Structure formats: structure tokens, C-alpha cells
């Protein structure tokens, strides 16, 4: 086995009580733990590292295009209205590590116009119908 002699119930209880905790795996008779180095990811702004740098706009494909099919096509939803009479709903998504599948779902299934902006973008003067704050890695207080 790779790791043994660890009380996984105690580890689970620790995580439930304190949330994600920092740690490292040490090897018996290996290098001293001080020599291995330790980086605290909570000190870095991880969202800045994974966020896009430029604003991107995604529009839903025409229904004929969606029906024609593409390798990444997702069937449009018939049960969820995505338009206000006469126009497409516009969502602004702040990218703190947004997954591409979320973008595909919002655009292809919910059929909204989606503007994805970097984590530090000032959107206070932009016009949109809804705001989506994506999840991402690390400590959310850095965003």
C-alpha cells in the first residue's frame, strides 16, 4: 500500500471541524520535513492565475445550427425560457476559475448571451441582466 497506518476517520473528523487544512506526507527514514519545503496555497491569489485575461462574449447558436450538431453540442432546453420577449438574456460571468462546461451549459442549454470577464474586471458600468460569480481555487477572500 502507498499509505498505511493512518486513521482516516480522525482525518475526516479534523477536516469537518476545521475545513481544508494544510499538510504534507512524510516518508519514514527520508529527508527531514524541514528540507522538503512547504508552500501555503492560501497565501497566493490562485484565481488570478487561472482567470482569463480578456473579456469574451459567447452567444447561443441559432437553433438550426444547434440541431445540425457539433462535437461539443449540447441539446437546447425546451423547458426553460431564456429570452425576455424580443431579446436574449445577457449574463455577465466573473471568471475566478470558471469551468468550460459551465460556459457551454449557459450558452447552449439555457441559451443566454454570456460575457465572461477576468476576476478583477470592473463591471459596474456594464449592462447585463444577471451576474454569475464562478467558483475557483483557493481562498475566495482574494477575489
N, C-alpha and C. Protein backbone atom coordinates (compact mmCIF):
# COMPACT_ATOMS: atom_id res chain seq x y z
N UNK A 1 0.83 -1.20 0.00
CA UNK A 1 0.00 0.00 0.00
C UNK A 1 0.87 1.26 0.00
N UNK A 2 0.33 2.31 -0.59
CA UNK A 2 1.07 3.57 -0.65
C UNK A 2 1.13 4.25 0.70
N UNK A 3 0.01 4.30 1.39
CA UNK A 3 -0.05 4.92 2.72
C UNK A 3 -0.82 3.96 3.62
N UNK A 4 -0.30 3.75 4.81
CA UNK A 4 -0.99 2.87 5.74
C UNK A 4 -0.77 3.39 7.16
N UNK A 5 -1.54 2.87 8.08
CA UNK A 5 -1.39 3.26 9.48
C UNK A 5 -1.98 4.64 9.77
N UNK A 6 -2.87 5.12 8.92
CA UNK A 6 -3.49 6.42 9.12
C UNK A 6 -4.95 6.21 9.49
N UNK A 7 -5.38 6.84 10.55
CA UNK A 7 -6.77 6.75 10.97
C UNK A 7 -7.58 7.72 10.13
N UNK A 8 -8.15 7.22 9.03
CA UNK A 8 -8.87 8.10 8.10
C UNK A 8 -10.12 8.71 8.74
N UNK A 9 -10.69 8.04 9.72
CA UNK A 9 -11.84 8.63 10.42
C UNK A 9 -11.42 9.89 11.17
N UNK A 10 -10.24 9.85 11.79
CA UNK A 10 -9.74 11.02 12.51
C UNK A 10 -9.44 12.16 11.54
N UNK A 11 -8.90 11.83 10.37
CA UNK A 11 -8.61 12.85 9.36
C UNK A 11 -9.92 13.47 8.88
N UNK A 12 -10.93 12.65 8.61
CA UNK A 12 -12.23 13.15 8.17
C UNK A 12 -12.84 14.07 9.23
N UNK A 13 -12.75 13.67 10.49
CA UNK A 13 -13.29 14.48 11.58
C UNK A 13 -12.56 15.82 11.67
N UNK A 14 -11.25 15.80 11.51
CA UNK A 14 -10.45 17.03 11.55
C UNK A 14 -10.87 17.98 10.43
N UNK A 15 -11.06 17.46 9.23
CA UNK A 15 -11.45 18.29 8.09
C UNK A 15 -12.86 18.85 8.29
N UNK A 16 -13.76 18.04 8.83
CA UNK A 16 -15.12 18.53 9.09
C UNK A 16 -15.13 19.64 10.12
N UNK A 17 -14.27 19.55 11.13
CA UNK A 17 -14.25 20.55 12.19
C UNK A 17 -13.52 21.82 11.78
N UNK A 18 -12.45 21.70 11.00
CA UNK A 18 -11.60 22.85 10.71
C UNK A 18 -11.58 23.26 9.25
N UNK A 19 -12.25 22.53 8.38
CA UNK A 19 -12.19 22.83 6.95
C UNK A 19 -10.89 22.30 6.37
N UNK A 20 -10.59 22.70 5.15
CA UNK A 20 -9.36 22.24 4.50
C UNK A 20 -8.16 22.69 5.32
N UNK A 21 -7.27 21.78 5.56
CA UNK A 21 -6.07 22.09 6.35
C UNK A 21 -4.84 21.80 5.51
N UNK A 22 -3.78 22.51 5.80
CA UNK A 22 -2.53 22.28 5.10
C UNK A 22 -1.81 21.08 5.69
N UNK A 23 -1.11 20.37 4.87
CA UNK A 23 -0.37 19.22 5.35
C UNK A 23 0.56 18.69 4.28
N UNK A 24 1.38 17.74 4.66
CA UNK A 24 2.26 17.08 3.69
C UNK A 24 2.52 15.67 4.18
N UNK A 25 2.85 14.81 3.24
CA UNK A 25 3.13 13.42 3.55
C UNK A 25 4.64 13.27 3.68
N UNK A 26 5.06 12.69 4.79
CA UNK A 26 6.49 12.47 5.01
C UNK A 26 6.79 10.98 4.96
N UNK A 27 7.98 10.65 4.57
CA UNK A 27 8.42 9.26 4.44
C UNK A 27 9.35 8.93 5.60
N UNK A 28 9.09 7.78 6.23
CA UNK A 28 9.99 7.36 7.30
C UNK A 28 11.40 7.20 6.77
N UNK A 29 12.37 7.58 7.56
CA UNK A 29 13.77 7.48 7.20
C UNK A 29 14.09 8.28 5.93
N UNK A 30 13.26 9.25 5.61
CA UNK A 30 13.50 10.10 4.45
C UNK A 30 14.15 11.40 4.89
N UNK A 31 14.11 12.38 4.04
CA UNK A 31 14.65 13.70 4.35
C UNK A 31 13.87 14.31 5.50
N UNK A 32 14.53 15.11 6.31
CA UNK A 32 13.80 15.80 7.38
C UNK A 32 12.71 16.68 6.77
N UNK A 33 11.61 16.82 7.49
CA UNK A 33 10.47 17.56 6.96
C UNK A 33 10.81 19.01 6.63
N UNK A 34 11.76 19.58 7.35
CA UNK A 34 12.15 20.96 7.08
C UNK A 34 12.81 21.09 5.71
N UNK A 35 13.45 20.04 5.23
CA UNK A 35 14.16 20.10 3.96
C UNK A 35 13.21 19.97 2.77
N UNK A 36 11.99 19.50 3.00
CA UNK A 36 11.07 19.28 1.90
C UNK A 36 10.40 20.56 1.39
N UNK A 37 10.42 21.59 2.15
CA UNK A 37 9.77 22.82 1.73
C UNK A 37 8.27 22.72 1.85
N UNK A 38 7.64 23.85 2.00
CA UNK A 38 6.20 23.86 2.22
C UNK A 38 5.66 25.16 1.65
N UNK A 39 4.69 25.05 0.77
CA UNK A 39 4.09 26.24 0.17
C UNK A 39 2.63 26.30 0.58
N UNK A 40 2.23 27.42 1.11
CA UNK A 40 0.84 27.62 1.52
C UNK A 40 0.07 28.22 0.35
N UNK A 41 -0.79 27.45 -0.33
CA UNK A 41 -1.51 27.99 -1.47
C UNK A 41 -2.50 29.09 -1.10
N UNK A 42 -2.86 29.18 0.17
CA UNK A 42 -3.80 30.21 0.60
C UNK A 42 -3.19 31.60 0.62
N UNK A 43 -1.86 31.68 0.53
CA UNK A 43 -1.20 32.97 0.50
C UNK A 43 -1.17 33.56 -0.90
N UNK A 44 -1.39 32.74 -1.91
CA UNK A 44 -1.37 33.19 -3.31
C UNK A 44 -2.80 33.47 -3.78
N UNK A 45 -2.91 34.37 -4.73
CA UNK A 45 -4.20 34.64 -5.35
C UNK A 45 -4.35 33.67 -6.52
N UNK A 46 -4.87 32.48 -6.26
CA UNK A 46 -4.97 31.44 -7.28
C UNK A 46 -5.96 31.81 -8.37
N UNK A 47 -6.98 32.58 -8.04
CA UNK A 47 -7.95 33.00 -9.06
C UNK A 47 -7.27 33.84 -10.14
N UNK A 48 -6.34 34.66 -9.75
CA UNK A 48 -5.62 35.48 -10.73
C UNK A 48 -4.79 34.60 -11.67
N UNK A 49 -4.34 33.46 -11.18
CA UNK A 49 -3.52 32.56 -12.01
C UNK A 49 -4.36 31.76 -13.01
N UNK A 50 -5.63 31.49 -12.70
CA UNK A 50 -6.45 30.66 -13.58
C UNK A 50 -7.48 31.45 -14.37
N UNK A 51 -7.69 32.71 -14.03
CA UNK A 51 -8.68 33.52 -14.71
C UNK A 51 -8.20 33.94 -16.09
N UNK A 52 -9.14 34.15 -16.99
CA UNK A 52 -8.76 34.67 -18.32
C UNK A 52 -8.30 36.11 -18.19
N UNK A 53 -7.60 36.59 -19.20
CA UNK A 53 -7.04 37.94 -19.15
C UNK A 53 -7.91 38.96 -19.88
N UNK A 54 -8.74 38.49 -20.82
CA UNK A 54 -9.56 39.39 -21.63
C UNK A 54 -11.02 39.02 -21.52
N UNK A 55 -11.86 39.98 -21.81
CA UNK A 55 -13.30 39.77 -21.84
C UNK A 55 -13.66 38.94 -23.07
N UNK A 56 -14.55 37.96 -22.91
CA UNK A 56 -15.01 37.13 -24.02
C UNK A 56 -16.52 37.09 -24.01
N UNK A 57 -17.11 37.12 -25.21
CA UNK A 57 -18.56 37.09 -25.34
C UNK A 57 -18.96 35.82 -26.07
N UNK A 58 -19.92 35.09 -25.52
CA UNK A 58 -20.44 33.86 -26.11
C UNK A 58 -21.93 34.05 -26.37
N UNK A 59 -22.35 33.79 -27.60
CA UNK A 59 -23.76 33.91 -27.96
C UNK A 59 -24.31 32.53 -28.27
N UNK A 60 -25.58 32.29 -27.95
CA UNK A 60 -26.15 30.98 -28.26
C UNK A 60 -26.23 30.78 -29.77
N UNK A 61 -25.96 29.57 -30.23
CA UNK A 61 -26.06 29.32 -31.67
C UNK A 61 -27.52 29.38 -32.10
N UNK A 62 -27.72 29.67 -33.39
CA UNK A 62 -29.09 29.63 -33.91
C UNK A 62 -29.62 28.22 -33.72
N UNK A 63 -30.90 28.09 -33.53
CA UNK A 63 -31.48 26.76 -33.29
C UNK A 63 -31.17 25.81 -34.43
N UNK A 64 -31.12 26.30 -35.67
CA UNK A 64 -30.77 25.43 -36.79
C UNK A 64 -29.35 24.93 -36.66
N UNK A 65 -28.42 25.81 -36.21
CA UNK A 65 -27.02 25.40 -36.03
C UNK A 65 -26.91 24.37 -34.90
N UNK A 66 -27.67 24.58 -33.82
CA UNK A 66 -27.60 23.65 -32.70
C UNK A 66 -28.12 22.29 -33.10
N UNK A 67 -29.14 22.26 -33.95
CA UNK A 67 -29.71 20.99 -34.37
C UNK A 67 -28.79 20.25 -35.34
N UNK A 68 -27.96 21.00 -36.09
CA UNK A 68 -27.05 20.38 -37.05
C UNK A 68 -26.00 19.55 -36.34
N UNK A 69 -25.65 19.97 -35.16
CA UNK A 69 -24.72 19.18 -34.35
C UNK A 69 -23.28 19.59 -34.53
N UNK A 70 -22.56 19.56 -33.46
CA UNK A 70 -21.13 19.78 -33.44
C UNK A 70 -20.56 18.91 -32.35
N UNK A 71 -19.26 18.66 -32.33
CA UNK A 71 -18.71 17.76 -31.31
C UNK A 71 -19.01 18.19 -29.88
N UNK A 72 -19.13 19.51 -29.64
CA UNK A 72 -19.37 19.97 -28.28
C UNK A 72 -20.81 20.44 -28.08
N UNK A 73 -21.69 20.01 -28.98
CA UNK A 73 -23.08 20.47 -28.93
C UNK A 73 -23.79 19.90 -27.71
N UNK A 74 -24.60 20.74 -27.09
CA UNK A 74 -25.48 20.32 -26.01
C UNK A 74 -26.88 20.63 -26.47
N UNK A 75 -27.81 19.70 -26.29
CA UNK A 75 -29.18 19.90 -26.75
C UNK A 75 -29.80 21.12 -26.08
N UNK A 76 -30.44 22.00 -26.86
CA UNK A 76 -31.10 23.14 -26.24
C UNK A 76 -32.26 22.67 -25.37
N UNK A 77 -32.48 23.37 -24.28
CA UNK A 77 -33.55 23.01 -23.36
C UNK A 77 -34.86 23.61 -23.85
N UNK A 78 -35.90 22.80 -23.87
CA UNK A 78 -37.19 23.31 -24.31
C UNK A 78 -38.02 23.80 -23.13
N UNK A 79 -37.66 23.43 -21.91
CA UNK A 79 -38.48 23.74 -20.76
C UNK A 79 -38.10 25.00 -20.03
N UNK A 80 -36.98 25.61 -20.37
CA UNK A 80 -36.55 26.78 -19.63
C UNK A 80 -36.47 27.98 -20.56
N UNK A 81 -37.34 28.95 -20.36
CA UNK A 81 -37.28 30.12 -21.22
C UNK A 81 -35.99 30.89 -20.98
N UNK A 82 -35.34 31.32 -22.04
CA UNK A 82 -34.10 32.05 -21.88
C UNK A 82 -34.17 33.44 -22.46
N UNK A 83 -35.33 33.84 -22.92
CA UNK A 83 -35.43 35.16 -23.51
C UNK A 83 -36.54 35.96 -22.87
N UNK A 84 -36.28 37.22 -22.77
CA UNK A 84 -37.30 38.18 -22.42
C UNK A 84 -37.91 38.51 -23.77
N UNK A 85 -39.19 38.75 -23.87
CA UNK A 85 -39.78 38.98 -25.19
C UNK A 85 -38.94 39.90 -26.06
N UNK A 86 -38.46 39.34 -27.17
CA UNK A 86 -37.72 40.11 -28.15
C UNK A 86 -36.22 40.15 -27.97
N UNK A 87 -35.68 39.60 -26.88
CA UNK A 87 -34.23 39.63 -26.74
C UNK A 87 -33.71 38.47 -25.89
N UNK A 88 -32.42 38.21 -26.06
CA UNK A 88 -31.77 37.13 -25.30
C UNK A 88 -31.30 37.68 -23.96
N UNK A 89 -31.43 36.89 -22.93
CA UNK A 89 -30.94 37.27 -21.60
C UNK A 89 -29.42 37.35 -21.64
N UNK A 90 -28.87 38.39 -21.04
CA UNK A 90 -27.42 38.61 -21.02
C UNK A 90 -26.89 38.42 -19.60
N UNK A 91 -26.00 37.46 -19.44
CA UNK A 91 -25.38 37.17 -18.14
C UNK A 91 -23.91 37.57 -18.19
N UNK A 92 -23.44 38.22 -17.15
CA UNK A 92 -22.02 38.53 -17.03
C UNK A 92 -21.43 37.57 -16.00
N UNK A 93 -20.41 36.83 -16.40
CA UNK A 93 -19.78 35.85 -15.51
C UNK A 93 -18.39 36.34 -15.14
N UNK A 94 -18.11 36.41 -13.86
CA UNK A 94 -16.79 36.79 -13.38
C UNK A 94 -15.98 35.50 -13.24
N UNK A 95 -14.88 35.43 -13.98
CA UNK A 95 -14.06 34.21 -14.06
C UNK A 95 -13.06 34.16 -12.91
N UNK A 96 -13.40 33.35 -11.91
CA UNK A 96 -12.46 33.07 -10.82
C UNK A 96 -11.94 31.64 -10.94
N UNK A 97 -12.08 31.08 -12.15
CA UNK A 97 -11.70 29.70 -12.40
C UNK A 97 -12.87 28.94 -13.01
N UNK A 98 -13.68 29.61 -13.81
CA UNK A 98 -14.89 29.01 -14.37
C UNK A 98 -14.54 27.82 -15.25
N UNK A 99 -15.33 26.79 -15.16
CA UNK A 99 -15.16 25.60 -16.00
C UNK A 99 -15.82 25.84 -17.35
N UNK A 100 -15.20 25.32 -18.41
CA UNK A 100 -15.75 25.47 -19.75
C UNK A 100 -17.13 24.84 -19.87
N UNK A 101 -17.38 23.79 -19.11
CA UNK A 101 -18.68 23.15 -19.17
C UNK A 101 -19.79 24.07 -18.66
N UNK A 102 -19.48 24.93 -17.72
CA UNK A 102 -20.46 25.90 -17.24
C UNK A 102 -20.79 26.88 -18.35
N UNK A 103 -19.78 27.32 -19.08
CA UNK A 103 -19.99 28.23 -20.21
C UNK A 103 -20.87 27.55 -21.26
N UNK A 104 -20.53 26.30 -21.61
CA UNK A 104 -21.32 25.57 -22.61
C UNK A 104 -22.77 25.41 -22.16
N UNK A 105 -22.98 25.10 -20.89
CA UNK A 105 -24.34 24.91 -20.39
C UNK A 105 -25.14 26.21 -20.47
N UNK A 106 -24.56 27.29 -20.00
CA UNK A 106 -25.28 28.57 -20.01
C UNK A 106 -25.62 29.00 -21.43
N UNK A 107 -24.69 28.82 -22.37
CA UNK A 107 -24.89 29.29 -23.74
C UNK A 107 -25.73 28.32 -24.57
N UNK A 108 -25.40 27.05 -24.53
CA UNK A 108 -26.05 26.07 -25.42
C UNK A 108 -27.35 25.51 -24.87
N UNK A 109 -27.46 25.35 -23.56
CA UNK A 109 -28.66 24.77 -22.98
C UNK A 109 -29.62 25.86 -22.51
N UNK A 110 -29.13 26.78 -21.70
CA UNK A 110 -30.01 27.86 -21.23
C UNK A 110 -30.15 28.96 -22.27
N UNK A 111 -29.30 28.96 -23.28
CA UNK A 111 -29.37 29.86 -24.43
C UNK A 111 -29.32 31.33 -24.04
N UNK A 112 -28.35 31.67 -23.20
CA UNK A 112 -28.15 33.06 -22.81
C UNK A 112 -26.93 33.61 -23.53
N UNK A 113 -26.89 34.90 -23.68
CA UNK A 113 -25.67 35.57 -24.14
C UNK A 113 -24.80 35.69 -22.89
N UNK A 114 -23.57 35.25 -22.99
CA UNK A 114 -22.70 35.21 -21.82
C UNK A 114 -21.44 36.02 -22.08
N UNK A 115 -21.17 36.95 -21.20
CA UNK A 115 -19.92 37.70 -21.25
C UNK A 115 -19.08 37.24 -20.06
N UNK A 116 -17.91 36.69 -20.34
CA UNK A 116 -17.02 36.21 -19.28
C UNK A 116 -15.88 37.20 -19.15
N UNK A 117 -15.66 37.67 -17.92
CA UNK A 117 -14.65 38.70 -17.68
C UNK A 117 -13.64 38.20 -16.65
N UNK A 118 -12.42 38.77 -16.64
CA UNK A 118 -11.42 38.37 -15.64
C UNK A 118 -11.89 38.65 -14.22
N UNK A 119 -11.23 38.03 -13.28
CA UNK A 119 -11.62 38.12 -11.87
C UNK A 119 -11.58 39.55 -11.34
N UNK A 120 -10.73 40.41 -11.91
CA UNK A 120 -10.57 41.76 -11.39
C UNK A 120 -11.20 42.83 -12.29
N UNK A 121 -12.08 42.42 -13.18
CA UNK A 121 -12.72 43.32 -14.14
C UNK A 121 -13.74 44.22 -13.42
N UNK A 122 -13.76 45.51 -13.77
CA UNK A 122 -14.72 46.44 -13.19
C UNK A 122 -15.97 46.44 -14.06
N UNK A 123 -17.03 45.78 -13.63
CA UNK A 123 -18.24 45.64 -14.42
C UNK A 123 -19.35 46.60 -13.98
N UNK A 124 -19.02 47.55 -13.14
CA UNK A 124 -20.05 48.43 -12.60
C UNK A 124 -20.73 49.28 -13.65
N UNK A 125 -20.09 49.54 -14.78
CA UNK A 125 -20.70 50.35 -15.84
C UNK A 125 -21.26 49.50 -16.98
N UNK A 126 -21.13 48.18 -16.91
CA UNK A 126 -21.64 47.29 -17.95
C UNK A 126 -23.13 47.05 -17.75
N UNK A 127 -23.82 46.74 -18.85
CA UNK A 127 -25.23 46.41 -18.77
C UNK A 127 -25.40 44.91 -18.96
N UNK A 128 -26.15 44.28 -18.06
CA UNK A 128 -26.41 42.85 -18.12
C UNK A 128 -27.65 42.56 -17.30
N UNK A 129 -28.23 41.39 -17.54
CA UNK A 129 -29.44 41.01 -16.83
C UNK A 129 -29.16 40.23 -15.55
N UNK A 130 -28.03 39.54 -15.51
CA UNK A 130 -27.70 38.74 -14.35
C UNK A 130 -26.20 38.64 -14.17
N UNK A 131 -25.78 38.43 -12.94
CA UNK A 131 -24.35 38.33 -12.61
C UNK A 131 -24.07 36.94 -12.07
N UNK A 132 -23.05 36.28 -12.63
CA UNK A 132 -22.65 34.94 -12.20
C UNK A 132 -21.23 35.02 -11.69
N UNK A 133 -21.02 34.71 -10.42
CA UNK A 133 -19.68 34.67 -9.84
C UNK A 133 -19.24 33.22 -9.80
N UNK A 134 -18.25 32.88 -10.60
CA UNK A 134 -17.83 31.48 -10.68
C UNK A 134 -17.04 31.09 -9.44
N UNK A 135 -17.03 29.81 -9.18
CA UNK A 135 -16.17 29.31 -8.12
C UNK A 135 -14.76 29.19 -8.69
N UNK A 136 -13.82 28.93 -7.82
CA UNK A 136 -12.44 28.81 -8.27
C UNK A 136 -11.58 28.25 -7.16
N UNK A 137 -10.30 28.17 -7.42
CA UNK A 137 -9.40 27.58 -6.42
C UNK A 137 -9.03 28.58 -5.33
N UNK A 138 -8.60 28.04 -4.22
CA UNK A 138 -8.02 28.87 -3.17
C UNK A 138 -9.04 29.60 -2.32
N UNK A 139 -8.53 30.58 -1.61
CA UNK A 139 -9.29 31.36 -0.66
C UNK A 139 -10.12 32.41 -1.39
N UNK A 140 -11.45 32.37 -1.30
CA UNK A 140 -12.29 33.31 -2.04
C UNK A 140 -12.12 34.76 -1.59
N UNK A 141 -11.54 35.00 -0.44
CA UNK A 141 -11.38 36.39 0.02
C UNK A 141 -10.36 37.14 -0.85
N UNK A 142 -9.53 36.42 -1.62
CA UNK A 142 -8.58 37.10 -2.51
C UNK A 142 -9.29 37.72 -3.69
N UNK A 143 -10.46 37.21 -4.05
CA UNK A 143 -11.21 37.78 -5.19
C UNK A 143 -11.90 39.04 -4.78
